[in-house]
Amino acid sequence: MATLVVGTQWGDEAKGKVVDHLAKYNDVVARYNGGDNAGHTIEKNEKEYVVHFIPSGILHDDKLNLMCQGMVVSPKRLFEEMEYLRSLDADVSRENLQIGWGIHLILPYHVAIDTMEGGAIGTTGKGIGPAYTDKAARRGITLADLRMPGDLKGKVRKNISYYNRMLPDKMQVSEDNVFSELEDYGERMIVFAADTAETIRKIRGKKNILLEGAQGTLLDVSLGTYPYVTSSCTGFDGVTAGIGTNLDIQRRIGVVKTPMSRVGEGPFWTELGEYGETKKEKKLEGKERDDFLSEMLPKINAGKATDQEIGRYLRVKGKEYGATTKRPRRIGWLDTEAVRYAVDVNGLTEIALTKMDVYSGMKELKICTKHVAPSPRFSWLQADNIAKLEVVPGWEEDTRGLTSIEGFPANAVNYLEKVEKLSGVPISMISTGPGNDELIVKKL
């Protein structure tokens, strides 16, 4: 059986936790797109793990993890991640990790051009977009190219020359730096190299395969809020090209975060506050964080808080800061038209709801039921859409750590039912906290 886990929003939906749970019931976990612009945070065994390249199944002893050909990977940062995981007692070896020969490498000139150009739309500056650009332009460097050092040097030199013509003098990339990275990490990568597509072909229909998507549907380069998107196909549309073979995916799970979030520029129809103000916020921790939350909640419940203040309260309570960028995430009410869109384009069979516990204590919530277009509607994703918000009752009881729906307050149950009705698919999982055991699994 094959299962797909995708984000329904702009990423950061807590997919890592859902994948970590499902990995227990699967033999193989395969990542099919993106680079380390994605970050999955998992709390497990009283430790916090953040993985960027390596599939979340690496935290399970008996799982095979595949980094498939649809990914782009920085050799240097990949091995930094391996060492980080090993420092937390995770096993990373050729026995539990394979890297596809067809993946494209992120090299120093990609990072340089991304640093220069990517700020306008809020990229991570890690070189992901330029690496995918090289792939489309047929000048990319793959892991397989490392087997042919003679040809490799000519290709790399040509790329360095191409990018240095666009870079200012102070950002010029030297051949020595690029070849040094390839020499330091290339042979080590080849140890993990495999035909991951053939691995999947040999086991499909015999073993359970879990497909892990990075980012979210609204960041898909073809289906998302273009041009404020990532550089790969993030959902079901990216699976076959990303793994290199066909799979019959019976179970397709969309992860939905409520409240929802976004990092970087672009439309956000239910946003609480102004992005310009959000960018100025500093991260609160410890007593400062606790004091802010205790002071703000009564103000919110008295109806005296601004949208900016409500957004900050939810951001601070939910610890909504980028796993990759550390930037404060923009926060907004759940947009169920966005969820319906993700259900449609991915063919989702169910959704997993995360972060709902941060609403605990709030007397009143809002939810977007549909978009209204003030101008002729040419796209569901047009930036001038207006979110139609409906006020719904909140709940004062704390749902953190609950293990069954029976323990939920009535208004929380009503909220779940409303999300299901508006989304058009059932909720199969509900996260009640950051811990890997704080998850309710419903029988469908």
Protein backbone atom coordinates (compact mmCIF):
# COMPACT_ATOMS: atom_id res chain seq x y z
CA MET A 1 0.00 0.00 0.00
CA ALA A 2 1.18 3.53 -0.76
CA THR A 3 0.30 6.57 1.35
CA LEU A 4 0.94 10.21 0.47
CA VAL A 5 1.30 13.05 2.98
CA VAL A 6 1.14 16.59 1.59
CA GLY A 7 0.70 20.05 3.00
CA THR A 8 -2.51 21.82 2.06
CA GLN A 9 -1.27 25.35 2.72
CA TRP A 10 2.09 27.18 2.43
CA GLY A 11 4.08 24.56 4.27
CA ASP A 12 4.89 24.43 8.01
CA GLU A 13 1.69 22.43 8.67
CA ALA A 14 3.48 19.93 10.98
CA LYS A 15 3.77 17.26 8.29
CA GLY A 16 6.82 15.83 10.05
CA LYS A 17 4.76 14.75 13.03
CA VAL A 18 2.17 13.06 10.82
CA VAL A 19 4.90 11.30 8.82
CA ASP A 20 6.62 10.22 12.04
CA HIS A 21 3.39 8.61 13.23
CA LEU A 22 2.65 6.90 9.92
CA ALA A 23 6.24 5.68 9.53
CA LYS A 24 5.52 3.10 12.23
CA TYR A 25 3.14 1.35 9.83
CA ASN A 26 5.25 1.64 6.67
CA ASP A 27 8.43 -0.04 5.49
CA VAL A 28 9.80 2.76 3.32
CA VAL A 29 9.63 6.57 3.65
CA ALA A 30 10.39 8.43 0.41
CA ARG A 31 10.91 12.17 -0.05
CA TYR A 32 10.21 13.28 -3.62
CA ASN A 33 10.68 17.07 -3.89
CA GLY A 34 12.38 20.18 -2.59
CA GLY A 35 15.57 20.79 -0.69
CA ASP A 36 16.43 22.16 2.72
CA ASN A 37 14.05 25.06 2.26
CA ALA A 38 11.73 22.63 4.04
CA GLY A 39 12.10 21.82 7.72
CA HIS A 40 10.22 19.16 9.64
CA THR A 41 10.29 19.50 13.43
CA ILE A 42 9.58 16.35 15.41
CA GLU A 43 9.46 15.93 19.19
CA LYS A 44 10.30 12.34 20.02
CA ASN A 45 11.69 10.59 23.10
CA GLU A 46 11.95 13.95 24.89
CA LYS A 47 14.19 15.32 22.13
CA GLU A 48 13.47 17.77 19.34
CA TYR A 49 14.69 16.83 15.87
CA VAL A 50 14.66 19.15 12.86
CA VAL A 51 15.22 17.47 9.50
CA HIS A 52 15.57 19.36 6.23
CA PHE A 53 16.75 16.88 3.59
CA ILE A 54 16.45 13.44 5.15
CA PRO A 55 13.00 11.81 5.35
CA SER A 56 11.39 11.82 8.81
CA GLY A 57 11.43 8.02 8.86
CA ILE A 58 15.14 8.21 9.75
CA LEU A 59 14.08 8.37 13.41
CA HIS A 60 12.74 4.81 13.19
CA ASP A 61 15.26 1.97 13.41
CA ASP A 62 13.73 -0.42 10.89
CA LYS A 63 12.76 1.90 8.01
CA LEU A 64 14.39 2.47 4.65
CA ASN A 65 14.50 6.16 3.73
CA LEU A 66 14.76 7.36 0.14
CA MET A 67 15.85 10.78 -1.10
CA CYS A 68 14.49 10.56 -4.62
CA GLN A 69 15.38 12.22 -7.91
CA GLY A 70 12.94 15.11 -7.57
CA MET A 71 15.01 16.66 -4.79
CA VAL A 72 17.83 19.19 -4.93
CA VAL A 73 20.57 18.73 -2.34
CA SER A 74 23.56 20.65 -1.03
CA PRO A 75 26.29 18.07 -0.34
CA LYS A 76 27.82 20.14 2.44
CA ARG A 77 24.54 20.85 4.24
CA LEU A 78 23.38 17.25 3.82
CA PHE A 79 26.37 15.92 5.73
CA GLU A 80 25.97 18.62 8.37
CA GLU A 81 22.43 17.31 8.86
CA MET A 82 23.67 13.74 9.11
CA GLU A 83 26.16 14.71 11.83
CA TYR A 84 23.47 16.67 13.67
CA LEU A 85 21.16 13.65 13.68
CA ARG A 86 23.95 11.35 14.83
CA SER A 87 24.68 13.76 17.69
CA LEU A 88 21.10 13.09 18.84
CA ASP A 89 21.70 9.33 18.65
CA ALA A 90 19.85 8.82 15.36
CA ASP A 91 21.27 6.15 13.06
CA VAL A 92 22.13 7.40 9.58
CA SER A 93 23.81 4.79 7.38
CA ARG A 94 23.77 3.13 3.95
CA GLU A 95 21.46 0.51 5.46
CA ASN A 96 18.63 2.98 6.16
CA LEU A 97 19.23 5.81 3.67
CA GLN A 98 19.49 5.82 -0.12
CA ILE A 99 20.09 8.89 -2.28
CA GLY A 100 18.90 8.78 -5.88
CA TRP A 101 21.49 9.13 -8.62
CA GLY A 102 19.19 11.62 -10.37
CA ILE A 103 19.03 14.26 -7.64
CA HIS A 104 20.44 17.65 -8.58
CA LEU A 105 23.18 19.25 -6.52
CA ILE A 106 22.98 22.71 -4.95
CA LEU A 107 26.41 24.30 -5.34
CA PRO A 108 27.92 27.60 -4.09
CA TYR A 109 26.97 29.54 -7.22
CA HIS A 110 23.30 28.65 -6.65
CA VAL A 111 23.45 30.08 -3.14
CA ALA A 112 25.18 33.23 -4.37
CA ILE A 113 22.59 34.03 -7.05
CA ASP A 114 19.71 33.16 -4.68
CA THR A 115 21.14 35.51 -2.07
CA MET A 116 21.26 38.27 -4.66
CA GLU A 117 17.85 37.71 -6.28
CA GLY A 118 15.65 35.77 -3.84
CA GLY A 119 14.92 38.50 -1.31
CA ALA A 120 12.15 40.05 -3.40
CA ILE A 121 9.81 37.13 -2.76
CA GLY A 122 11.27 35.97 0.54
CA THR A 123 13.14 32.81 -0.44
CA THR A 124 15.35 31.03 2.08
CA GLY A 125 18.47 31.99 0.11
CA LYS A 126 19.70 28.39 0.12
CA GLY A 127 19.98 28.02 -3.66
CA ILE A 128 16.95 25.79 -4.20
CA GLY A 129 15.34 27.89 -6.94
CA PRO A 130 18.53 28.35 -8.99
CA ALA A 131 19.27 24.61 -8.75
CA TYR A 132 15.83 23.84 -10.19
CA THR A 133 16.41 26.54 -12.82
CA ASP A 134 19.57 24.73 -13.90
CA LYS A 135 17.61 21.48 -14.04
CA ALA A 136 15.04 23.01 -16.39
CA ALA A 137 17.76 24.68 -18.44
CA ARG A 138 19.55 21.32 -18.84
CA ARG A 139 22.77 22.49 -17.21
CA GLY A 140 22.21 20.97 -13.75
CA ILE A 141 24.78 18.79 -11.99
CA THR A 142 23.40 15.47 -10.74
CA LEU A 143 24.81 12.98 -8.29
CA ALA A 144 25.44 10.67 -11.25
CA ASP A 145 27.77 13.30 -12.76
CA LEU A 146 30.18 12.72 -9.88
CA ARG A 147 31.05 9.35 -11.38
CA MET A 148 32.60 11.09 -14.40
CA PRO A 149 35.07 13.67 -12.99
CA GLY A 150 36.48 14.61 -16.39
CA ASP A 151 33.11 15.67 -17.80
CA LEU A 152 32.06 17.10 -14.43
CA LYS A 153 34.81 19.72 -14.31
CA GLY A 154 33.90 21.10 -17.70
CA LYS A 155 30.20 21.37 -16.79
CA VAL A 156 30.91 23.03 -13.46
CA ARG A 157 33.37 25.52 -14.94
CA LYS A 158 30.80 26.50 -17.56
CA ASN A 159 28.18 27.07 -14.84
CA ILE A 160 30.55 29.12 -12.69
CA SER A 161 31.33 31.34 -15.67
CA TYR A 162 27.62 31.73 -16.41
CA TYR A 163 26.72 32.81 -12.89
CA ASN A 164 29.76 35.01 -12.30
CA ARG A 165 28.66 37.15 -15.25
CA MET A 166 25.54 38.02 -13.23
CA LEU A 167 27.13 38.35 -9.80
CA PRO A 168 28.83 41.53 -8.53
CA ASP A 169 32.55 41.40 -7.90
CA LYS A 170 32.21 40.91 -4.15
CA MET A 171 30.01 37.81 -4.70
CA GLN A 172 32.08 36.07 -7.38
CA VAL A 173 32.30 32.31 -6.92
CA SER A 174 35.72 30.70 -7.22
CA GLU A 175 36.33 27.37 -8.90
CA ASP A 176 38.42 26.31 -5.91
CA ASN A 177 35.46 26.66 -3.52
CA VAL A 178 33.11 24.65 -5.73
CA PHE A 179 35.55 21.85 -6.51
CA SER A 180 36.65 21.73 -2.87
CA GLU A 181 33.05 21.06 -1.79
CA LEU A 182 32.60 18.41 -4.45
CA GLU A 183 35.86 16.72 -3.45
CA ASP A 184 35.06 16.87 0.27
CA TYR A 185 31.55 15.46 0.01
CA GLY A 186 31.16 13.85 -3.41
CA GLU A 187 32.65 10.46 -2.59
CA ARG A 188 30.79 10.39 0.70
CA MET A 189 27.50 10.99 -1.13
CA ILE A 190 28.21 8.20 -3.60
CA VAL A 191 28.33 5.76 -0.67
CA PHE A 192 24.60 6.40 -0.22
CA ALA A 193 23.77 6.52 -3.95
CA ALA A 194 21.21 4.13 -5.43
CA ASP A 195 18.61 3.80 -8.16
CA THR A 196 15.78 4.77 -5.82
CA ALA A 197 13.16 4.37 -8.55
CA GLU A 198 14.22 0.74 -8.99
CA THR A 199 14.11 0.26 -5.22
CA ILE A 200 10.47 1.34 -5.29
CA ARG A 201 9.65 -0.82 -8.31
CA LYS A 202 10.96 -3.91 -6.54
CA ILE A 203 8.84 -3.41 -3.41
CA ARG A 204 5.62 -1.80 -4.67
CA GLY A 205 2.66 -4.03 -4.02
CA LYS A 206 4.73 -6.00 -1.51
CA LYS A 207 5.64 -3.45 1.14
CA ASN A 208 4.06 -0.28 2.53
CA ILE A 209 5.49 2.94 1.11
CA LEU A 210 5.01 6.38 2.65
CA LEU A 211 5.58 9.39 0.38
CA GLU A 212 6.62 12.58 2.15
CA GLY A 213 6.02 15.89 0.44
CA ALA A 214 7.86 19.10 1.33
CA GLN A 215 6.31 22.57 1.56
CA GLY A 216 2.58 22.77 0.73
CA THR A 217 0.06 22.89 -2.10
CA LEU A 218 -0.12 26.69 -2.17
CA LEU A 219 3.65 26.80 -2.75
CA ASP A 220 3.52 24.43 -5.74
CA VAL A 221 5.29 26.01 -8.71
CA SER A 222 2.34 25.18 -10.99
CA LEU A 223 -0.62 25.10 -8.60
CA GLY A 224 0.35 27.65 -5.95
CA THR A 225 0.20 31.42 -5.45
CA TYR A 226 2.62 32.12 -8.31
CA PRO A 227 5.11 33.83 -8.34
CA TYR A 228 5.24 33.54 -4.53
CA VAL A 229 5.93 29.83 -4.65
CA THR A 230 8.73 27.32 -4.30
CA SER A 231 10.48 25.80 -7.32
CA SER A 232 9.07 22.26 -7.33
CA CYS A 233 5.77 20.43 -7.57
CA THR A 234 4.88 19.87 -3.94
CA GLY A 235 1.79 17.68 -4.05
CA PHE A 236 0.42 14.69 -5.92
CA ASP A 237 1.47 16.34 -9.20
CA GLY A 238 5.12 15.94 -8.22
CA VAL A 239 5.10 12.32 -7.11
CA THR A 240 5.74 10.34 -10.31
CA ALA A 241 8.42 12.71 -11.61
CA GLY A 242 9.88 12.97 -8.11
CA ILE A 243 10.26 9.24 -7.43
CA GLY A 244 10.81 8.17 -11.05
CA THR A 245 8.10 5.53 -11.25
CA ASN A 246 4.37 5.00 -10.87
CA LEU A 247 2.58 4.12 -7.64
CA ASP A 248 -1.05 3.38 -6.91
CA ILE A 249 -1.60 5.72 -3.95
CA GLN A 250 -4.67 4.55 -2.10
CA ARG A 251 -4.40 6.90 0.86
CA ARG A 252 -3.76 10.62 0.36
CA ILE A 253 -3.56 12.70 3.52
CA GLY A 254 -3.53 16.48 3.52
CA VAL A 255 -2.13 18.17 6.61
CA VAL A 256 -4.16 21.21 7.66
CA LYS A 257 -2.95 23.66 10.28
CA THR A 258 -5.40 25.84 12.14
CA PRO A 259 -4.55 28.64 12.54
CA MET A 260 -2.66 28.61 9.27
CA SER A 261 0.63 30.34 8.50
CA ARG A 262 2.88 31.61 5.75
CA VAL A 263 6.55 32.62 5.56
CA GLY A 264 7.67 35.21 3.04
CA GLU A 265 5.81 37.42 0.59
CA GLY A 266 2.57 36.74 -1.28
CA PRO A 267 -1.20 36.79 -0.79
CA PHE A 268 -2.65 35.57 2.51
CA TRP A 269 -6.39 36.11 2.49
CA THR A 270 -7.10 35.47 6.19
CA GLU A 271 -3.96 37.10 7.60
CA LEU A 272 -4.18 38.59 11.07
CA GLY A 273 -2.33 41.90 10.96
CA GLU A 274 0.20 43.34 8.54
CA TYR A 275 3.27 41.44 7.36
CA GLY A 276 5.41 44.57 7.65
CA GLU A 277 4.67 44.71 11.37
CA THR A 278 5.09 40.96 11.83
CA LYS A 279 8.62 41.10 10.42
CA LYS A 280 9.60 43.53 13.18
CA GLU A 281 8.56 41.23 16.01
CA LYS A 282 11.16 39.58 18.19
CA LYS A 283 10.74 36.03 19.39
CA LEU A 284 9.55 35.81 22.99
CA GLU A 285 10.81 33.04 25.23
CA GLY A 286 10.69 31.98 28.87
CA LYS A 287 9.01 34.31 31.35
CA GLU A 288 8.64 37.05 28.76
CA ARG A 289 6.63 34.66 26.59
CA ASP A 290 4.48 33.45 29.50
CA ASP A 291 3.74 37.01 30.64
CA PHE A 292 2.74 38.09 27.14
CA LEU A 293 0.33 35.17 26.71
CA SER A 294 -1.31 35.66 30.11
CA GLU A 295 -1.76 39.40 29.52
CA MET A 296 -3.01 39.13 25.94
CA LEU A 297 -5.68 36.41 26.30
CA PRO A 298 -8.06 38.49 28.49
CA LYS A 299 -7.69 41.38 26.05
CA ILE A 300 -8.58 39.10 23.13
CA ASN A 301 -11.60 37.65 24.96
CA ALA A 302 -12.80 41.15 25.86
CA GLY A 303 -12.82 42.04 22.16
CA LYS A 304 -10.20 44.76 22.64
CA ALA A 305 -7.28 43.19 20.75
CA THR A 306 -6.33 44.21 17.23
CA ASP A 307 -5.85 41.65 14.46
CA GLN A 308 -2.09 42.21 14.77
CA GLU A 309 -2.24 41.38 18.47
CA ILE A 310 -4.36 38.27 17.91
CA GLY A 311 -1.94 37.13 15.24
CA ARG A 312 1.02 37.65 17.51
CA TYR A 313 -0.69 35.82 20.37
CA LEU A 314 -1.30 32.76 18.17
CA ARG A 315 2.23 32.97 16.74
CA VAL A 316 3.84 33.12 20.19
CA LYS A 317 1.62 30.43 21.69
CA GLY A 318 2.10 28.11 18.71
CA LYS A 319 5.84 28.86 18.46
CA GLU A 320 5.34 29.80 14.83
CA TYR A 321 8.87 30.57 13.70
CA GLY A 322 10.41 28.98 10.63
CA ALA A 323 12.24 25.69 11.22
CA THR A 324 14.53 26.63 8.34
CA THR A 325 14.57 30.45 8.34
CA LYS A 326 13.72 31.22 12.01
CA ARG A 327 11.55 34.04 10.68
CA PRO A 328 8.24 34.84 12.43
CA ARG A 329 5.47 33.23 10.42
CA ARG A 330 2.47 35.22 9.25
CA ILE A 331 -0.67 33.91 10.95
CA GLY A 332 -4.28 33.79 9.79
CA TRP A 333 -7.59 32.08 10.39
CA LEU A 334 -8.17 28.72 8.72
CA ASP A 335 -9.11 29.15 5.05
CA THR A 336 -11.33 26.22 4.10
CA GLU A 337 -11.52 27.29 0.46
CA ALA A 338 -7.76 26.75 0.39
CA VAL A 339 -8.32 23.31 1.92
CA ARG A 340 -10.98 22.44 -0.68
CA TYR A 341 -8.56 23.47 -3.41
CA ALA A 342 -5.87 21.19 -1.98
CA VAL A 343 -8.40 18.35 -1.68
CA ASP A 344 -9.30 18.79 -5.34
CA VAL A 345 -5.84 19.02 -6.91
CA ASN A 346 -4.31 16.26 -4.77
CA GLY A 347 -7.32 13.94 -4.70
CA LEU A 348 -7.13 13.84 -0.90
CA THR A 349 -8.98 11.08 0.91
CA GLU A 350 -8.64 12.63 4.39
CA ILE A 351 -7.01 15.42 6.37
CA ALA A 352 -4.89 15.60 9.50
CA LEU A 353 -5.60 18.68 11.63
CA THR A 354 -2.74 20.24 13.58
CA LYS A 355 -2.17 23.07 16.08
CA MET A 356 -5.84 23.37 17.05
CA ASP A 357 -4.79 23.26 20.72
CA VAL A 358 -3.44 26.84 20.46
CA TYR A 359 -7.06 28.05 20.28
CA SER A 360 -7.71 26.78 23.82
CA GLY A 361 -8.91 29.62 26.06
CA MET A 362 -10.24 31.80 23.25
CA LYS A 363 -13.96 32.58 23.46
CA GLU A 364 -14.39 33.38 19.79
CA LEU A 365 -12.74 32.23 16.57
CA LYS A 366 -13.17 32.92 12.87
CA ILE A 367 -13.05 30.62 9.88
CA CYS A 368 -13.01 31.43 6.15
CA THR A 369 -15.84 29.67 4.36
CA LYS A 370 -15.19 30.98 0.84
CA HIS A 371 -13.45 33.63 -1.28
CA VAL A 372 -15.21 36.51 -2.98
CA ALA A 373 -13.59 38.06 -6.06
CA PRO A 374 -14.08 41.85 -6.33
CA SER A 375 -12.90 41.78 -9.95
CA PRO A 376 -13.70 39.23 -12.67
CA ARG A 377 -12.52 35.92 -11.31
CA PHE A 378 -9.81 34.38 -13.45
CA SER A 379 -8.24 32.18 -10.80
CA TRP A 380 -9.05 30.78 -7.39
CA LEU A 381 -5.64 32.08 -6.30
CA GLN A 382 -5.89 35.69 -7.46
CA ALA A 383 -4.41 38.08 -4.94
CA ASP A 384 -7.42 40.42 -4.69
CA ASN A 385 -9.81 37.74 -3.47
CA ILE A 386 -11.54 38.63 -0.21
CA ALA A 387 -12.02 35.98 2.47
CA LYS A 388 -15.55 35.61 3.80
CA LEU A 389 -15.10 35.01 7.53
CA GLU A 390 -17.63 33.39 9.84
CA VAL A 391 -17.50 33.81 13.62
CA VAL A 392 -17.64 30.54 15.57
CA PRO A 393 -17.60 29.90 19.34
CA GLY A 394 -14.29 29.02 20.89
CA TRP A 395 -13.64 27.02 24.06
CA GLU A 396 -12.04 27.85 27.39
CA GLU A 397 -10.96 24.29 28.20
CA ASP A 398 -7.40 23.23 27.38
CA THR A 399 -7.26 20.50 24.72
CA ARG A 400 -3.48 20.08 24.95
CA GLY A 401 -2.51 16.43 25.26
CA LEU A 402 -6.02 14.95 24.99
CA THR A 403 -6.03 11.41 23.63
CA SER A 404 -9.65 11.00 22.52
CA ILE A 405 -12.42 13.07 20.97
CA GLU A 406 -14.62 12.20 23.93
CA GLY A 407 -12.54 14.54 26.08
CA PHE A 408 -13.02 17.53 23.75
CA PRO A 409 -15.30 20.40 24.81
CA ALA A 410 -18.53 20.66 22.80
CA ASN A 411 -17.44 23.78 20.90
CA ALA A 412 -14.17 22.11 19.86
CA VAL A 413 -16.12 19.13 18.52
CA ASN A 414 -18.41 21.53 16.65
CA TYR A 415 -15.35 23.20 15.14
CA LEU A 416 -14.00 19.86 13.93
CA GLU A 417 -17.33 18.98 12.37
CA LYS A 418 -17.46 22.35 10.62
CA VAL A 419 -13.98 21.88 9.19
CA GLU A 420 -14.94 18.44 7.89
CA LYS A 421 -18.13 19.75 6.31
CA LEU A 422 -16.42 22.70 4.64
CA SER A 423 -13.43 20.64 3.49
CA GLY A 424 -15.47 17.81 2.01
CA VAL A 425 -13.27 15.03 3.44
CA PRO A 426 -13.05 13.44 6.90
CA ILE A 427 -10.49 14.29 9.58
CA SER A 428 -8.45 11.19 10.38
CA MET A 429 -5.90 12.68 12.80
CA ILE A 430 -5.91 15.55 15.28
CA SER A 431 -2.71 16.85 16.84
CA THR A 432 -3.21 18.03 20.44
CA GLY A 433 0.34 19.21 21.09
CA PRO A 434 3.90 19.10 19.78
CA GLY A 435 4.81 15.72 21.29
CA ASN A 436 4.71 12.65 19.05
CA ASP A 437 2.25 11.01 21.45
CA GLU A 438 -0.10 14.01 21.44
CA LEU A 439 -2.12 12.74 18.48
CA ILE A 440 -5.66 11.44 18.18
CA VAL A 441 -6.21 8.93 15.39
CA LYS A 442 -9.83 8.50 14.33
CA LYS A 443 -11.25 5.40 12.75
CA LEU A 444 -12.77 6.25 9.38
